[in-house]
Amino acid sequence: MNKLRKSFLYFFLAITFLSVDACRKKYNPTAEDMTEYGWILYKSKDYLNSNTWFQDGATKDAEWKDAYNGLGWSYAKLMVLDSSISNFIIGLDKPDDEWNIVDIQSEILAGLTFAYNAKGDDGRTLQYGRAFLDSTVKPLAPGWVFTHDSLLNYLDVRVVMASSYFAKGKFDSTILQISVILDSLGSKVSMSPVTDTSLEGRKRMAAQIDSLQDYLRNK
């Protein structure tokens, strides 16, 4: 009797494993699945492999906006800035997923702001930075935070905009961005915006931008 029960158990387990294996073979991951796994790798700082998964997602569904978002951010981390920018720009024109609560368009605009800043293109940095602010600054709404890196937020966008305004000699706009950053940080930093636009004042303004960038980068 025990031998019979054991034989039946082995047979049942074998059938179960075969059924599970068959289900696995039938499952076909979607572009969303591939992109979500890409973001898991991105968060673990495995940017090269995350990039591969984002590429797979875009290949699976050429209209999946978040795949291009992921490609833009992962290429930026790999310092392949031209590819980062080109994928962000492709993503801008892709349709939003009505079921996705993440504001991917704003993430792409922020990514373009950072990528162009890294390339030293102040004009495009400000173009996309202003577009980012237009899409995210709303009354009573919390400030933007990057979904896949909570340490990166709207203040980082503003500080690179301040840097680009400074580089273009638009010191009033520089002061405005710095003022917003300092107001948002409140008591976390003990400094006031430099408003002196003389040669000596501009030196202190540049030092203040560098100091804020360091603070935000290491917060």
C-alpha atoms as a PDB file:
ATOM      1  CA  MET A   1       0.000   0.000   0.000  1.00  0.00           C
ATOM      2  CA  ASN A   2       2.831   2.426   0.909  1.00  0.00           C
ATOM      3  CA  LYS A   3       4.540   1.705  -2.390  1.00  0.00           C
ATOM      4  CA  LEU A   4       1.283   2.436  -4.212  1.00  0.00           C
ATOM      5  CA  ARG A   5       0.826   5.759  -2.385  1.00  0.00           C
ATOM      6  CA  LYS A   6       4.434   6.736  -3.087  1.00  0.00           C
ATOM      7  CA  SER A   7       4.072   5.919  -6.771  1.00  0.00           C
ATOM      8  CA  PHE A   8       0.895   7.989  -6.957  1.00  0.00           C
ATOM      9  CA  LEU A   9       2.650  10.931  -5.227  1.00  0.00           C
ATOM     10  CA  TYR A  10       5.532  10.829  -7.695  1.00  0.00           C
ATOM     11  CA  PHE A  11       3.087  10.735 -10.578  1.00  0.00           C
ATOM     12  CA  PHE A  12       1.105  13.711  -9.173  1.00  0.00           C
ATOM     13  CA  LEU A  13       4.262  15.802  -8.646  1.00  0.00           C
ATOM     14  CA  ALA A  14       5.505  15.011 -12.143  1.00  0.00           C
ATOM     15  CA  ILE A  15       2.207  16.136 -13.674  1.00  0.00           C
ATOM     16  CA  THR A  16       2.260  19.315 -11.543  1.00  0.00           C
ATOM     17  CA  PHE A  17       5.783  20.241 -12.614  1.00  0.00           C
ATOM     18  CA  LEU A  18       4.968  19.621 -16.246  1.00  0.00           C
ATOM     19  CA  SER A  19       1.885  21.848 -15.978  1.00  0.00           C
ATOM     20  CA  VAL A  20       3.843  24.672 -14.332  1.00  0.00           C
ATOM     21  CA  ASP A  21       6.585  24.364 -16.926  1.00  0.00           C
ATOM     22  CA  ALA A  22       4.035  24.495 -19.714  1.00  0.00           C
ATOM     23  CA  CYS A  23       2.491  27.653 -18.236  1.00  0.00           C
ATOM     24  CA  ARG A  24       5.900  29.254 -18.065  1.00  0.00           C
ATOM     25  CA  LYS A  25       6.565  28.500 -21.690  1.00  0.00           C
ATOM     26  CA  LYS A  26       3.244  30.026 -22.697  1.00  0.00           C
ATOM     27  CA  TYR A  27       3.867  33.315 -20.821  1.00  0.00           C
ATOM     28  CA  ASN A  28       5.133  36.045 -23.121  1.00  0.00           C
ATOM     29  CA  PRO A  29       6.525  39.095 -21.250  1.00  0.00           C
ATOM     30  CA  THR A  30       5.189  42.448 -22.367  1.00  0.00           C
ATOM     31  CA  ALA A  31       7.072  45.675 -23.005  1.00  0.00           C
ATOM     32  CA  GLU A  32       5.807  46.829 -19.604  1.00  0.00           C
ATOM     33  CA  ASP A  33       7.280  43.733 -17.917  1.00  0.00           C
ATOM     34  CA  MET A  34      10.655  44.256 -19.590  1.00  0.00           C
ATOM     35  CA  THR A  35      10.716  47.930 -18.715  1.00  0.00           C
ATOM     36  CA  GLU A  36       9.768  47.302 -15.087  1.00  0.00           C
ATOM     37  CA  TYR A  37      12.630  44.832 -14.767  1.00  0.00           C
ATOM     38  CA  GLY A  38      14.920  47.362 -16.407  1.00  0.00           C
ATOM     39  CA  TRP A  39      14.030  49.843 -13.653  1.00  0.00           C
ATOM     40  CA  ILE A  40      14.771  47.224 -10.977  1.00  0.00           C
ATOM     41  CA  LEU A  41      18.270  46.850 -12.445  1.00  0.00           C
ATOM     42  CA  TYR A  42      18.584  50.639 -12.760  1.00  0.00           C
ATOM     43  CA  LYS A  43      17.820  51.094  -9.054  1.00  0.00           C
ATOM     44  CA  SER A  44      20.525  48.532  -8.251  1.00  0.00           C
ATOM     45  CA  LYS A  45      22.943  50.657 -10.351  1.00  0.00           C
ATOM     46  CA  ASP A  46      23.300  47.952 -13.008  1.00  0.00           C
ATOM     47  CA  TYR A  47      22.903  50.507 -15.777  1.00  0.00           C
ATOM     48  CA  LEU A  48      24.333  48.413 -18.598  1.00  0.00           C
ATOM     49  CA  ASN A  49      21.951  45.492 -18.127  1.00  0.00           C
ATOM     50  CA  SER A  50      19.031  47.794 -17.381  1.00  0.00           C
ATOM     51  CA  ASN A  51      19.693  49.451 -20.724  1.00  0.00           C
ATOM     52  CA  THR A  52      19.428  46.065 -22.462  1.00  0.00           C
ATOM     53  CA  TRP A  53      16.024  45.425 -20.885  1.00  0.00           C
ATOM     54  CA  PHE A  54      14.787  48.870 -21.888  1.00  0.00           C
ATOM     55  CA  GLN A  55      15.931  48.162 -25.447  1.00  0.00           C
ATOM     56  CA  ASP A  56      13.995  44.887 -25.374  1.00  0.00           C
ATOM     57  CA  GLY A  57      10.916  46.756 -24.148  1.00  0.00           C
ATOM     58  CA  ALA A  58      11.142  49.305 -26.961  1.00  0.00           C
ATOM     59  CA  THR A  59      11.626  46.509 -29.488  1.00  0.00           C
ATOM     60  CA  LYS A  60       8.628  44.629 -28.117  1.00  0.00           C
ATOM     61  CA  ASP A  61       6.387  47.693 -28.321  1.00  0.00           C
ATOM     62  CA  ALA A  62       7.729  50.710 -30.187  1.00  0.00           C
ATOM     63  CA  GLU A  63       4.999  52.884 -28.631  1.00  0.00           C
ATOM     64  CA  TRP A  64       5.844  52.066 -24.985  1.00  0.00           C
ATOM     65  CA  LYS A  65       6.865  55.486 -23.664  1.00  0.00           C
ATOM     66  CA  ASP A  66       8.553  54.325 -20.445  1.00  0.00           C
ATOM     67  CA  ALA A  67      11.006  52.135 -22.380  1.00  0.00           C
ATOM     68  CA  TYR A  68      12.451  55.253 -24.038  1.00  0.00           C
ATOM     69  CA  ASN A  69      12.411  57.018 -20.679  1.00  0.00           C
ATOM     70  CA  GLY A  70      14.501  54.164 -19.264  1.00  0.00           C
ATOM     71  CA  LEU A  71      16.844  54.211 -22.243  1.00  0.00           C
ATOM     72  CA  GLY A  72      17.386  57.933 -21.787  1.00  0.00           C
ATOM     73  CA  TRP A  73      18.226  57.660 -18.086  1.00  0.00           C
ATOM     74  CA  SER A  74      20.378  54.528 -18.385  1.00  0.00           C
ATOM     75  CA  TYR A  75      22.365  55.936 -21.326  1.00  0.00           C
ATOM     76  CA  ALA A  76      22.902  59.116 -19.301  1.00  0.00           C
ATOM     77  CA  LYS A  77      24.291  57.070 -16.424  1.00  0.00           C
ATOM     78  CA  LEU A  78      26.598  55.349 -18.908  1.00  0.00           C
ATOM     79  CA  MET A  79      27.582  58.831 -20.199  1.00  0.00           C
ATOM     80  CA  VAL A  80      26.409  58.032 -23.730  1.00  0.00           C
ATOM     81  CA  LEU A  81      24.722  61.414 -23.891  1.00  0.00           C
ATOM     82  CA  ASP A  82      23.759  61.550 -27.572  1.00  0.00           C
ATOM     83  CA  SER A  83      21.900  58.235 -27.263  1.00  0.00           C
ATOM     84  CA  SER A  84      20.339  59.409 -24.022  1.00  0.00           C
ATOM     85  CA  ILE A  85      19.004  62.565 -25.647  1.00  0.00           C
ATOM     86  CA  SER A  86      17.782  60.848 -28.818  1.00  0.00           C
ATOM     87  CA  ASN A  87      15.772  58.284 -26.823  1.00  0.00           C
ATOM     88  CA  PHE A  88      14.309  60.941 -24.548  1.00  0.00           C
ATOM     89  CA  ILE A  89      13.188  62.924 -27.598  1.00  0.00           C
ATOM     90  CA  ILE A  90      11.599  59.821 -29.153  1.00  0.00           C
ATOM     91  CA  GLY A  91       9.808  59.198 -25.861  1.00  0.00           C
ATOM     92  CA  LEU A  92       8.384  62.727 -25.731  1.00  0.00           C
ATOM     93  CA  ASP A  93       6.152  61.999 -28.719  1.00  0.00           C
ATOM     94  CA  LYS A  94       4.957  58.584 -27.564  1.00  0.00           C
ATOM     95  CA  PRO A  95       1.459  58.293 -26.055  1.00  0.00           C
ATOM     96  CA  ASP A  96       0.993  58.134 -22.295  1.00  0.00           C
ATOM     97  CA  ASP A  97      -0.365  54.949 -20.766  1.00  0.00           C
ATOM     98  CA  GLU A  98      -3.708  55.907 -19.243  1.00  0.00           C
ATOM     99  CA  TRP A  99      -3.251  53.341 -16.450  1.00  0.00           C
ATOM    100  CA  ASN A 100       0.217  54.525 -15.445  1.00  0.00           C
ATOM    101  CA  ILE A 101       0.116  56.963 -12.505  1.00  0.00           C
ATOM    102  CA  VAL A 102       3.747  58.013 -13.066  1.00  0.00           C
ATOM    103  CA  ASP A 103       4.217  61.293 -14.949  1.00  0.00           C
ATOM    104  CA  ILE A 104       6.670  59.884 -17.500  1.00  0.00           C
ATOM    105  CA  GLN A 105       6.574  63.043 -19.623  1.00  0.00           C
ATOM    106  CA  SER A 106       7.996  65.069 -16.721  1.00  0.00           C
ATOM    107  CA  GLU A 107      10.669  62.428 -16.088  1.00  0.00           C
ATOM    108  CA  ILE A 108      11.736  62.705 -19.724  1.00  0.00           C
ATOM    109  CA  LEU A 109      11.828  66.516 -19.567  1.00  0.00           C
ATOM    110  CA  ALA A 110      13.945  66.363 -16.407  1.00  0.00           C
ATOM    111  CA  GLY A 111      16.235  63.824 -18.061  1.00  0.00           C
ATOM    112  CA  LEU A 112      16.694  66.066 -21.095  1.00  0.00           C
ATOM    113  CA  THR A 113      17.528  69.005 -18.818  1.00  0.00           C
ATOM    114  CA  PHE A 114      20.267  66.997 -17.090  1.00  0.00           C
ATOM    115  CA  ALA A 115      21.591  65.462 -20.306  1.00  0.00           C
ATOM    116  CA  TYR A 116      21.926  68.775 -22.121  1.00  0.00           C
ATOM    117  CA  ASN A 117      23.523  70.311 -19.027  1.00  0.00           C
ATOM    118  CA  ALA A 118      26.093  67.497 -19.018  1.00  0.00           C
ATOM    119  CA  LYS A 119      26.809  68.281 -22.686  1.00  0.00           C
ATOM    120  CA  GLY A 120      27.294  71.959 -21.869  1.00  0.00           C
ATOM    121  CA  ASP A 121      24.344  73.076 -24.036  1.00  0.00           C
ATOM    122  CA  ASP A 122      22.889  75.830 -21.844  1.00  0.00           C
ATOM    123  CA  GLY A 123      20.235  76.872 -24.356  1.00  0.00           C
ATOM    124  CA  ARG A 124      18.667  73.401 -24.529  1.00  0.00           C
ATOM    125  CA  THR A 125      19.107  72.923 -20.776  1.00  0.00           C
ATOM    126  CA  LEU A 126      16.930  75.975 -20.201  1.00  0.00           C
ATOM    127  CA  GLN A 127      14.470  75.016 -22.952  1.00  0.00           C
ATOM    128  CA  TYR A 128      13.698  71.663 -21.388  1.00  0.00           C
ATOM    129  CA  GLY A 129      14.082  72.925 -17.840  1.00  0.00           C
ATOM    130  CA  ARG A 130      11.359  75.519 -18.426  1.00  0.00           C
ATOM    131  CA  ALA A 131       9.164  72.874 -20.068  1.00  0.00           C
ATOM    132  CA  PHE A 132       9.720  70.674 -17.013  1.00  0.00           C
ATOM    133  CA  LEU A 133       8.692  73.466 -14.634  1.00  0.00           C
ATOM    134  CA  ASP A 134       5.613  74.216 -16.746  1.00  0.00           C
ATOM    135  CA  SER A 135       4.544  70.579 -16.488  1.00  0.00           C
ATOM    136  CA  THR A 136       5.205  70.090 -12.768  1.00  0.00           C
ATOM    137  CA  VAL A 137       4.796  73.374 -10.882  1.00  0.00           C
ATOM    138  CA  LYS A 138       1.155  73.438  -9.789  1.00  0.00           C
ATOM    139  CA  PRO A 139      -0.571  75.117  -6.816  1.00  0.00           C
ATOM    140  CA  LEU A 140      -0.606  72.938  -3.672  1.00  0.00           C
ATOM    141  CA  ALA A 141       1.105  70.086  -5.541  1.00  0.00           C
ATOM    142  CA  PRO A 142       4.186  68.497  -3.946  1.00  0.00           C
ATOM    143  CA  GLY A 143       7.507  69.056  -5.673  1.00  0.00           C
ATOM    144  CA  TRP A 144       8.564  66.521  -8.302  1.00  0.00           C
ATOM    145  CA  VAL A 145      10.666  63.540  -7.201  1.00  0.00           C
ATOM    146  CA  PHE A 146      12.165  61.056  -9.659  1.00  0.00           C
ATOM    147  CA  THR A 147      10.281  57.780  -9.299  1.00  0.00           C
ATOM    148  CA  HIS A 148      13.413  55.657  -9.629  1.00  0.00           C
ATOM    149  CA  ASP A 149      15.756  57.704  -7.412  1.00  0.00           C
ATOM    150  CA  SER A 150      14.120  59.531  -4.500  1.00  0.00           C
ATOM    151  CA  LEU A 151      17.254  61.635  -3.941  1.00  0.00           C
ATOM    152  CA  LEU A 152      16.736  63.348  -7.301  1.00  0.00           C
ATOM    153  CA  ASN A 153      14.045  66.023  -7.325  1.00  0.00           C
ATOM    154  CA  TYR A 154      12.884  69.362  -8.709  1.00  0.00           C
ATOM    155  CA  LEU A 155      15.610  71.243  -6.822  1.00  0.00           C
ATOM    156  CA  ASP A 156      18.264  69.411  -8.845  1.00  0.00           C
ATOM    157  CA  VAL A 157      16.554  70.613 -12.016  1.00  0.00           C
ATOM    158  CA  ARG A 158      16.470  74.177 -10.737  1.00  0.00           C
ATOM    159  CA  VAL A 159      20.129  74.218  -9.755  1.00  0.00           C
ATOM    160  CA  VAL A 160      21.291  73.138 -13.231  1.00  0.00           C
ATOM    161  CA  MET A 161      18.997  75.802 -14.665  1.00  0.00           C
ATOM    162  CA  ALA A 162      20.640  78.355 -12.352  1.00  0.00           C
ATOM    163  CA  SER A 163      24.009  77.212 -13.669  1.00  0.00           C
ATOM    164  CA  SER A 164      22.901  77.613 -17.284  1.00  0.00           C
ATOM    165  CA  TYR A 165      21.317  81.022 -16.662  1.00  0.00           C
ATOM    166  CA  PHE A 166      24.582  82.100 -15.045  1.00  0.00           C
ATOM    167  CA  ALA A 167      26.611  80.823 -18.006  1.00  0.00           C
ATOM    168  CA  LYS A 168      24.420  82.866 -20.361  1.00  0.00           C
ATOM    169  CA  GLY A 169      24.795  86.014 -18.235  1.00  0.00           C
ATOM    170  CA  LYS A 170      21.128  86.051 -17.149  1.00  0.00           C
ATOM    171  CA  PHE A 171      21.849  86.847 -13.521  1.00  0.00           C
ATOM    172  CA  ASP A 172      18.314  87.904 -12.518  1.00  0.00           C
ATOM    173  CA  SER A 173      17.035  84.474 -13.598  1.00  0.00           C
ATOM    174  CA  THR A 174      19.955  82.848 -11.782  1.00  0.00           C
ATOM    175  CA  ILE A 175      19.021  84.672  -8.577  1.00  0.00           C
ATOM    176  CA  LEU A 176      15.375  83.625  -8.990  1.00  0.00           C
ATOM    177  CA  GLN A 177      16.257  79.919  -9.252  1.00  0.00           C
ATOM    178  CA  ILE A 178      18.638  80.084  -6.298  1.00  0.00           C
ATOM    179  CA  SER A 179      16.006  81.908  -4.221  1.00  0.00           C
ATOM    180  CA  VAL A 180      13.427  79.186  -4.913  1.00  0.00           C
ATOM    181  CA  ILE A 181      15.941  76.493  -3.948  1.00  0.00           C
ATOM    182  CA  LEU A 182      16.900  78.209  -0.700  1.00  0.00           C
ATOM    183  CA  ASP A 183      13.249  78.858   0.211  1.00  0.00           C
ATOM    184  CA  SER A 184      12.497  75.167  -0.356  1.00  0.00           C
ATOM    185  CA  LEU A 185      15.459  74.023   1.742  1.00  0.00           C
ATOM    186  CA  GLY A 186      14.582  76.401   4.567  1.00  0.00           C
ATOM    187  CA  SER A 187      16.636  75.870   7.693  1.00  0.00           C
ATOM    188  CA  LYS A 188      18.592  72.989   6.144  1.00  0.00           C
ATOM    189  CA  VAL A 189      21.095  75.467   4.743  1.00  0.00           C
ATOM    190  CA  SER A 190      22.233  78.749   6.261  1.00  0.00           C
ATOM    191  CA  MET A 191      22.760  81.048   3.287  1.00  0.00           C
ATOM    192  CA  SER A 192      20.987  83.812   1.406  1.00  0.00           C
ATOM    193  CA  PRO A 193      20.969  84.256  -2.363  1.00  0.00           C
ATOM    194  CA  VAL A 194      23.818  86.331  -3.726  1.00  0.00           C
ATOM    195  CA  THR A 195      22.224  89.326  -5.453  1.00  0.00           C
ATOM    196  CA  ASP A 196      25.356  91.328  -6.233  1.00  0.00           C
ATOM    197  CA  THR A 197      26.007  91.155  -9.994  1.00  0.00           C
ATOM    198  CA  SER A 198      29.357  92.950  -9.926  1.00  0.00           C
ATOM    199  CA  LEU A 199      32.429  90.971 -10.928  1.00  0.00           C
ATOM    200  CA  GLU A 200      33.101  90.061  -7.298  1.00  0.00           C
ATOM    201  CA  GLY A 201      29.429  89.265  -6.728  1.00  0.00           C
ATOM    202  CA  ARG A 202      29.336  86.972  -9.753  1.00  0.00           C
ATOM    203  CA  LYS A 203      32.275  85.032  -8.337  1.00  0.00           C
ATOM    204  CA  ARG A 204      30.330  84.496  -5.116  1.00  0.00           C
ATOM    205  CA  MET A 205      27.214  83.609  -7.115  1.00  0.00           C
ATOM    206  CA  ALA A 206      29.122  80.927  -9.026  1.00  0.00           C
ATOM    207  CA  ALA A 207      30.511  79.569  -5.750  1.00  0.00           C
ATOM    208  CA  GLN A 208      26.983  79.469  -4.313  1.00  0.00           C
ATOM    209  CA  ILE A 209      25.707  77.457  -7.291  1.00  0.00           C
ATOM    210  CA  ASP A 210      28.585  74.991  -6.874  1.00  0.00           C
ATOM    211  CA  SER A 211      27.868  74.725  -3.151  1.00  0.00           C
ATOM    212  CA  LEU A 212      24.177  74.020  -3.740  1.00  0.00           C
ATOM    213  CA  GLN A 213      24.982  71.431  -6.403  1.00  0.00           C
ATOM    214  CA  ASP A 214      27.302  69.653  -3.981  1.00  0.00           C
ATOM    215  CA  TYR A 215      24.715  69.799  -1.222  1.00  0.00           C
ATOM    216  CA  LEU A 216      21.915  68.419  -3.381  1.00  0.00           C
ATOM    217  CA  ARG A 217      24.173  65.744  -4.865  1.00  0.00           C
ATOM    218  CA  ASN A 218      25.203  64.492  -1.415  1.00  0.00           C
ATOM    219  CA  LYS A 219      21.936  64.961   0.463  1.00  0.00           C
END
